[in-house]
């Protein structure tokens, strides 16, 4: 295996390692934003739930982007 191929596979591994972090961080950020809105501006309780759902949707979107980027790197190595 050449050095270039090794670096490409390390890049793919790094990209795929980001997926669990993104899936955890975005809904957590949504929760914190919803709680802040609720406490600071006295928004209703369901604001937190809506923000968590938006965070989850954002994390799924970013996960798809990461997977596409990883597949692009794999196809370049062939």
Protein backbone atom coordinates (compact mmCIF):
# COMPACT_ATOMS: atom_id res chain seq x y z
CA UNK A 1 0.00 0.00 0.00
CA UNK A 2 1.43 3.35 -0.97
CA UNK A 3 1.71 6.30 1.32
CA UNK A 4 -0.96 8.24 -0.61
CA UNK A 5 -3.46 5.41 -0.22
CA UNK A 6 -2.67 5.16 3.48
CA UNK A 7 -3.32 8.86 3.97
CA UNK A 8 -6.60 8.59 2.07
CA UNK A 9 -7.80 5.79 4.33
CA UNK A 10 -6.74 7.78 7.39
CA UNK A 11 -8.79 10.69 6.03
CA UNK A 12 -11.81 8.41 5.56
CA UNK A 13 -11.39 7.08 9.09
CA UNK A 14 -11.22 10.60 10.46
CA UNK A 15 -14.32 11.64 8.58
CA UNK A 16 -16.29 8.63 9.77
CA UNK A 17 -15.15 9.22 13.34
CA UNK A 18 -16.90 12.59 13.26
CA UNK A 19 -20.35 11.03 12.75
CA UNK A 20 -21.09 10.09 16.40
CA UNK A 21 -19.80 13.45 17.59
CA UNK A 22 -22.08 15.32 15.18
CA UNK A 23 -25.06 13.11 16.05
CA UNK A 24 -24.60 13.91 19.74
CA UNK A 25 -23.58 17.57 19.58
CA UNK A 26 -26.34 19.04 17.39
CA UNK A 27 -29.33 17.84 19.47
CA UNK A 28 -27.47 18.87 22.62
CA UNK A 29 -26.95 22.35 21.18
CA UNK A 30 -30.65 22.43 20.29
CA UNK A 31 -31.56 21.49 23.84
CA UNK A 32 -29.33 24.18 25.31
CA UNK A 33 -30.68 26.78 22.89
CA UNK A 34 -34.27 25.81 23.72
CA UNK A 35 -33.64 25.96 27.46
CA UNK A 36 -31.96 29.35 27.09
CA UNK A 37 -34.90 30.70 25.07
CA UNK A 38 -37.30 29.33 27.64
CA UNK A 39 -35.49 30.86 30.60
CA UNK A 40 -34.37 34.15 29.04
CA UNK A 41 -37.46 35.09 27.01
CA UNK A 42 -40.08 32.91 28.74
CA UNK A 43 -40.89 30.90 25.62
CA UNK A 44 -43.26 27.95 26.09
CA UNK A 45 -41.90 24.54 27.12
CA UNK A 46 -42.32 22.99 23.70
CA UNK A 47 -39.69 25.39 22.34
CA UNK A 48 -37.01 23.09 23.74
CA UNK A 49 -38.52 20.09 21.97
CA UNK A 50 -38.68 21.98 18.68
CA UNK A 51 -35.05 23.07 19.02
CA UNK A 52 -33.93 19.50 19.74
CA UNK A 53 -35.79 18.26 16.65
CA UNK A 54 -34.15 20.99 14.55
CA UNK A 55 -30.76 19.99 16.00
CA UNK A 56 -31.39 16.34 15.17
CA UNK A 57 -32.37 17.23 11.59
CA UNK A 58 -29.20 19.30 11.26
CA UNK A 59 -27.09 16.42 12.56
CA UNK A 60 -28.63 14.00 10.06
CA UNK A 61 -27.95 16.48 7.26
CA UNK A 62 -24.31 16.87 8.32
CA UNK A 63 -23.94 13.10 8.64
CA UNK A 64 -25.07 12.67 5.04
CA UNK A 65 -22.53 15.30 3.96
CA UNK A 66 -19.76 13.50 5.85
CA UNK A 67 -20.65 10.16 4.29
CA UNK A 68 -20.69 11.70 0.81
CA UNK A 69 -17.26 13.25 1.44
CA UNK A 70 -15.89 9.91 2.64
CA UNK A 71 -17.27 8.13 -0.42
CA UNK A 72 -15.73 10.80 -2.65
CA UNK A 73 -12.31 10.18 -1.07
CA UNK A 74 -12.69 6.41 -1.53
CA UNK A 75 -13.63 6.83 -5.19
CA UNK A 76 -10.62 9.07 -5.79
CA UNK A 77 -8.31 6.38 -4.41
CA UNK A 78 -9.46 3.79 -6.93
